[in-house]
Amino acid sequence: KRIALANKEVLVMAGALVMAAARAR
């Protein structure tokens, strides 16, 4: 799914995990 992100905490907490997952998919 495309993510429209209005929540800062997701990337502040887990930016490396989230962006790596997004690149992989």
PDB file of all heavy atoms in Angstrom:
ATOM      1  N   LYS A   1       0.833  -1.207   0.000  1.00  0.00           N
ATOM      2  CA  LYS A   1       0.000   0.000   0.000  1.00  0.00           C
ATOM      3  C   LYS A   1       0.870   1.260   0.000  1.00  0.00           C
ATOM      4  O   LYS A   1       1.911   1.303   0.655  1.00  0.00           O
ATOM      5  CB  LYS A   1      -0.896   0.044   1.243  1.00  0.00           C
ATOM      6  CG  LYS A   1      -1.564  -1.269   1.632  1.00  0.00           C
ATOM      7  CD  LYS A   1      -2.572  -1.726   0.619  1.00  0.00           C
ATOM      8  CE  LYS A   1      -3.345  -2.938   1.151  1.00  0.00           C
ATOM      9  NZ  LYS A   1      -4.298  -3.491   0.152  1.00  0.00           N
ATOM     10  N   ARG A   2       0.433   2.291  -0.703  1.00  0.00           N
ATOM     11  CA  ARG A   2       1.074   3.594  -0.558  1.00  0.00           C
ATOM     12  C   ARG A   2       0.766   4.133   0.829  1.00  0.00           C
ATOM     13  O   ARG A   2      -0.356   4.005   1.328  1.00  0.00           O
ATOM     14  CB  ARG A   2       0.561   4.587  -1.610  1.00  0.00           C
ATOM     15  CG  ARG A   2       1.004   6.040  -1.326  1.00  0.00           C
ATOM     16  CD  ARG A   2       0.448   7.046  -2.308  1.00  0.00           C
ATOM     17  NE  ARG A   2       1.136   6.970  -3.579  1.00  0.00           N
ATOM     18  CZ  ARG A   2       0.940   7.836  -4.584  1.00  0.00           C
ATOM     19  NH1 ARG A   2       0.052   8.813  -4.456  1.00  0.00           N
ATOM     20  NH2 ARG A   2       1.607   7.710  -5.715  1.00  0.00           N
ATOM     21  N   ILE A   3       1.760   4.786   1.445  1.00  0.00           N
ATOM     22  CA  ILE A   3       1.582   5.381   2.769  1.00  0.00           C
ATOM     23  C   ILE A   3       1.530   6.894   2.632  1.00  0.00           C
ATOM     24  O   ILE A   3       2.470   7.520   2.111  1.00  0.00           O
ATOM     25  CB  ILE A   3       2.722   4.991   3.722  1.00  0.00           C
ATOM     26  CG1 ILE A   3       2.883   3.470   3.794  1.00  0.00           C
ATOM     27  CG2 ILE A   3       2.479   5.586   5.102  1.00  0.00           C
ATOM     28  CD1 ILE A   3       1.673   2.720   4.303  1.00  0.00           C
ATOM     29  N   ALA A   4       0.438   7.496   3.084  1.00  0.00           N
ATOM     30  CA  ALA A   4       0.339   8.946   3.231  1.00  0.00           C
ATOM     31  C   ALA A   4       0.565   9.222   4.716  1.00  0.00           C
ATOM     32  O   ALA A   4      -0.301   8.935   5.544  1.00  0.00           O
ATOM     33  CB  ALA A   4      -1.027   9.448   2.770  1.00  0.00           C
ATOM     34  N   LEU A   5       1.732   9.743   5.046  1.00  0.00           N
ATOM     35  CA  LEU A   5       2.168   9.773   6.445  1.00  0.00           C
ATOM     36  C   LEU A   5       1.978  11.149   7.067  1.00  0.00           C
ATOM     37  O   LEU A   5       2.629  12.117   6.687  1.00  0.00           O
ATOM     38  CB  LEU A   5       3.643   9.365   6.526  1.00  0.00           C
ATOM     39  CG  LEU A   5       4.203   9.130   7.928  1.00  0.00           C
ATOM     40  CD1 LEU A   5       3.466   7.984   8.622  1.00  0.00           C
ATOM     41  CD2 LEU A   5       5.698   8.822   7.853  1.00  0.00           C
ATOM     42  N   ALA A   6       1.056  11.214   8.032  1.00  0.00           N
ATOM     43  CA  ALA A   6       0.825  12.446   8.773  1.00  0.00           C
ATOM     44  C   ALA A   6       1.286  12.313  10.216  1.00  0.00           C
ATOM     45  O   ALA A   6       1.000  13.170  11.048  1.00  0.00           O
ATOM     46  CB  ALA A   6      -0.660  12.812   8.743  1.00  0.00           C
ATOM     47  N   ASN A   7       1.976  11.238  10.513  1.00  0.00           N
ATOM     48  CA  ASN A   7       2.403  10.925  11.871  1.00  0.00           C
ATOM     49  C   ASN A   7       3.924  10.963  11.939  1.00  0.00           C
ATOM     50  O   ASN A   7       4.607  10.206  11.252  1.00  0.00           O
ATOM     51  CB  ASN A   7       1.882   9.527  12.241  1.00  0.00           C
ATOM     52  CG  ASN A   7       2.401   9.024  13.562  1.00  0.00           C
ATOM     53  OD1 ASN A   7       3.596   8.834  13.716  1.00  0.00           O
ATOM     54  ND2 ASN A   7       1.508   8.783  14.505  1.00  0.00           N
ATOM     55  N   LYS A   8       4.472  11.865  12.742  1.00  0.00           N
ATOM     56  CA  LYS A   8       5.920  12.013  12.836  1.00  0.00           C
ATOM     57  C   LYS A   8       6.572  10.857  13.586  1.00  0.00           C
ATOM     58  O   LYS A   8       7.684  10.441  13.275  1.00  0.00           O
ATOM     59  CB  LYS A   8       6.254  13.320  13.557  1.00  0.00           C
ATOM     60  CG  LYS A   8       5.770  14.560  12.838  1.00  0.00           C
ATOM     61  CD  LYS A   8       5.959  15.796  13.702  1.00  0.00           C
ATOM     62  CE  LYS A   8       5.473  17.033  12.977  1.00  0.00           C
ATOM     63  NZ  LYS A   8       4.049  16.950  12.603  1.00  0.00           N
ATOM     64  N   GLU A   9       5.865  10.346  14.597  1.00  0.00           N
ATOM     65  CA  GLU A   9       6.481   9.376  15.494  1.00  0.00           C
ATOM     66  C   GLU A   9       6.891   8.090  14.785  1.00  0.00           C
ATOM     67  O   GLU A   9       7.842   7.419  15.187  1.00  0.00           O
ATOM     68  CB  GLU A   9       5.533   9.066  16.652  1.00  0.00           C
ATOM     69  CG  GLU A   9       5.323  10.210  17.621  1.00  0.00           C
ATOM     70  CD  GLU A   9       4.239  11.181  17.195  1.00  0.00           C
ATOM     71  OE1 GLU A   9       3.708  11.032  16.068  1.00  0.00           O
ATOM     72  OE2 GLU A   9       3.915  12.087  17.971  1.00  0.00           O
ATOM     73  N   VAL A  10       6.179   7.719  13.726  1.00  0.00           N
ATOM     74  CA  VAL A  10       6.503   6.484  13.007  1.00  0.00           C
ATOM     75  C   VAL A  10       7.939   6.516  12.499  1.00  0.00           C
ATOM     76  O   VAL A  10       8.692   5.552  12.661  1.00  0.00           O
ATOM     77  CB  VAL A  10       5.508   6.263  11.847  1.00  0.00           C
ATOM     78  CG1 VAL A  10       6.033   5.228  10.869  1.00  0.00           C
ATOM     79  CG2 VAL A  10       4.143   5.834  12.392  1.00  0.00           C
ATOM     80  N   LEU A  11       8.351   7.626  11.886  1.00  0.00           N
ATOM     81  CA  LEU A  11       9.715   7.717  11.372  1.00  0.00           C
ATOM     82  C   LEU A  11      10.713   8.097  12.455  1.00  0.00           C
ATOM     83  O   LEU A  11      11.872   7.686  12.398  1.00  0.00           O
ATOM     84  CB  LEU A  11       9.785   8.721  10.219  1.00  0.00           C
ATOM     85  CG  LEU A  11       9.079   8.295   8.927  1.00  0.00           C
ATOM     86  CD1 LEU A  11       9.302   9.336   7.832  1.00  0.00           C
ATOM     87  CD2 LEU A  11       9.551   6.930   8.456  1.00  0.00           C
ATOM     88  N   VAL A  12      10.292   8.871  13.443  1.00  0.00           N
ATOM     89  CA  VAL A  12      11.198   9.212  14.536  1.00  0.00           C
ATOM     90  C   VAL A  12      11.606   7.945  15.281  1.00  0.00           C
ATOM     91  O   VAL A  12      12.774   7.752  15.632  1.00  0.00           O
ATOM     92  CB  VAL A  12      10.538  10.219  15.495  1.00  0.00           C
ATOM     93  CG1 VAL A  12      11.377  10.400  16.756  1.00  0.00           C
ATOM     94  CG2 VAL A  12      10.358  11.569  14.796  1.00  0.00           C
ATOM     95  N   MET A  13      10.661   7.057  15.515  1.00  0.00           N
ATOM     96  CA  MET A  13      10.947   5.822  16.240  1.00  0.00           C
ATOM     97  C   MET A  13      11.630   4.773  15.378  1.00  0.00           C
ATOM     98  O   MET A  13      12.547   4.098  15.820  1.00  0.00           O
ATOM     99  CB  MET A  13       9.655   5.219  16.796  1.00  0.00           C
ATOM    100  CG  MET A  13       9.116   5.914  18.024  1.00  0.00           C
ATOM    101  SD  MET A  13       7.740   4.990  18.710  1.00  0.00           S
ATOM    102  CE  MET A  13       8.535   3.480  19.235  1.00  0.00           C
ATOM    103  N   ALA A  14      11.136   4.615  14.158  1.00  0.00           N
ATOM    104  CA  ALA A  14      11.551   3.451  13.361  1.00  0.00           C
ATOM    105  C   ALA A  14      11.830   3.839  11.916  1.00  0.00           C
ATOM    106  O   ALA A  14      11.494   3.096  10.994  1.00  0.00           O
ATOM    107  CB  ALA A  14      10.471   2.380  13.424  1.00  0.00           C
ATOM    108  N   GLY A  15      12.472   4.976  11.716  1.00  0.00           N
ATOM    109  CA  GLY A  15      12.730   5.453  10.361  1.00  0.00           C
ATOM    110  C   GLY A  15      13.523   4.466   9.532  1.00  0.00           C
ATOM    111  O   GLY A  15      13.217   4.238   8.352  1.00  0.00           O
ATOM    112  N   ALA A  16      14.551   3.862  10.125  1.00  0.00           N
ATOM    113  CA  ALA A  16      15.390   2.921   9.372  1.00  0.00           C
ATOM    114  C   ALA A  16      14.569   1.713   8.929  1.00  0.00           C
ATOM    115  O   ALA A  16      14.653   1.284   7.765  1.00  0.00           O
ATOM    116  CB  ALA A  16      16.576   2.486  10.226  1.00  0.00           C
ATOM    117  N   LEU A  17      13.759   1.158   9.832  1.00  0.00           N
ATOM    118  CA  LEU A  17      12.955  -0.008   9.487  1.00  0.00           C
ATOM    119  C   LEU A  17      11.897   0.321   8.433  1.00  0.00           C
ATOM    120  O   LEU A  17      11.705  -0.429   7.465  1.00  0.00           O
ATOM    121  CB  LEU A  17      12.265  -0.566  10.734  1.00  0.00           C
ATOM    122  CG  LEU A  17      13.145  -1.179  11.826  1.00  0.00           C
ATOM    123  CD1 LEU A  17      12.277  -1.629  12.993  1.00  0.00           C
ATOM    124  CD2 LEU A  17      13.940  -2.354  11.279  1.00  0.00           C
ATOM    125  N   VAL A  18      11.203   1.433   8.625  1.00  0.00           N
ATOM    126  CA  VAL A  18      10.108   1.796   7.729  1.00  0.00           C
ATOM    127  C   VAL A  18      10.613   2.088   6.319  1.00  0.00           C
ATOM    128  O   VAL A  18      10.079   1.576   5.325  1.00  0.00           O
ATOM    129  CB  VAL A  18       9.324   2.994   8.291  1.00  0.00           C
ATOM    130  CG1 VAL A  18       8.332   3.537   7.258  1.00  0.00           C
ATOM    131  CG2 VAL A  18       8.587   2.604   9.570  1.00  0.00           C
ATOM    132  N   MET A  19      11.657   2.902   6.217  1.00  0.00           N
ATOM    133  CA  MET A  19      12.131   3.284   4.891  1.00  0.00           C
ATOM    134  C   MET A  19      12.815   2.120   4.177  1.00  0.00           C
ATOM    135  O   MET A  19      12.718   1.993   2.952  1.00  0.00           O
ATOM    136  CB  MET A  19      13.054   4.490   4.987  1.00  0.00           C
ATOM    137  CG  MET A  19      12.374   5.743   5.540  1.00  0.00           C
ATOM    138  SD  MET A  19      10.786   6.173   4.739  1.00  0.00           S
ATOM    139  CE  MET A  19      11.365   6.657   3.096  1.00  0.00           C
ATOM    140  N   ALA A  20      13.488   1.259   4.935  1.00  0.00           N
ATOM    141  CA  ALA A  20      14.077   0.067   4.314  1.00  0.00           C
ATOM    142  C   ALA A  20      12.979  -0.843   3.769  1.00  0.00           C
ATOM    143  O   ALA A  20      13.101  -1.395   2.664  1.00  0.00           O
ATOM    144  CB  ALA A  20      14.945  -0.681   5.316  1.00  0.00           C
ATOM    145  N   ALA A  21      11.907  -1.009   4.529  1.00  0.00           N
ATOM    146  CA  ALA A  21      10.790  -1.828   4.070  1.00  0.00           C
ATOM    147  C   ALA A  21      10.137  -1.229   2.831  1.00  0.00           C
ATOM    148  O   ALA A  21       9.785  -1.948   1.884  1.00  0.00           O
ATOM    149  CB  ALA A  21       9.757  -1.983   5.187  1.00  0.00           C
ATOM    150  N   ALA A  22       9.981   0.093   2.823  1.00  0.00           N
ATOM    151  CA  ALA A  22       9.366   0.764   1.672  1.00  0.00           C
ATOM    152  C   ALA A  22      10.224   0.603   0.417  1.00  0.00           C
ATOM    153  O   ALA A  22       9.703   0.351  -0.679  1.00  0.00           O
ATOM    154  CB  ALA A  22       9.147   2.243   1.986  1.00  0.00           C
ATOM    155  N   ARG A  23      11.532   0.729   0.573  1.00  0.00           N
ATOM    156  CA  ARG A  23      12.426   0.537  -0.585  1.00  0.00           C
ATOM    157  C   ARG A  23      12.360  -0.903  -1.088  1.00  0.00           C
ATOM    158  O   ARG A  23      12.313  -1.153  -2.299  1.00  0.00           O
ATOM    159  CB  ARG A  23      13.859   0.909  -0.206  1.00  0.00           C
ATOM    160  CG  ARG A  23      14.111   2.399  -0.083  1.00  0.00           C
ATOM    161  CD  ARG A  23      15.592   2.704   0.035  1.00  0.00           C
ATOM    162  NE  ARG A  23      16.185   2.136   1.244  1.00  0.00           N
ATOM    163  CZ  ARG A  23      16.249   2.767   2.411  1.00  0.00           C
ATOM    164  NH1 ARG A  23      15.732   3.990   2.535  1.00  0.00           N
ATOM    165  NH2 ARG A  23      16.813   2.200   3.464  1.00  0.00           N
ATOM    166  N   ALA A  24      12.354  -1.860  -0.171  1.00  0.00           N
ATOM    167  CA  ALA A  24      12.331  -3.270  -0.558  1.00  0.00           C
ATOM    168  C   ALA A  24      11.055  -3.636  -1.310  1.00  0.00           C
ATOM    169  O   ALA A  24      11.088  -4.450  -2.239  1.00  0.00           O
ATOM    170  CB  ALA A  24      12.485  -4.144   0.682  1.00  0.00           C
ATOM    171  N   ARG A  25       9.939  -3.013  -0.940  1.00  0.00           N
ATOM    172  CA  ARG A  25       8.650  -3.337  -1.568  1.00  0.00           C
ATOM    173  C   ARG A  25       8.295  -2.381  -2.699  1.00  0.00           C
ATOM    174  O   ARG A  25       7.278  -2.563  -3.378  1.00  0.00           O
ATOM    175  CB  ARG A  25       7.534  -3.322  -0.516  1.00  0.00           C
ATOM    176  CG  ARG A  25       7.596  -4.425   0.493  1.00  0.00           C
ATOM    177  CD  ARG A  25       7.187  -5.768  -0.132  1.00  0.00           C
ATOM    178  NE  ARG A  25       5.746  -5.809  -0.375  1.00  0.00           N
ATOM    179  CZ  ARG A  25       5.162  -6.136  -1.530  1.00  0.00           C
ATOM    180  NH1 ARG A  25       5.904  -6.444  -2.575  1.00  0.00           N
ATOM    181  NH2 ARG A  25       3.854  -6.158  -1.650  1.00  0.00           N
TER     182      ARG A  25
END
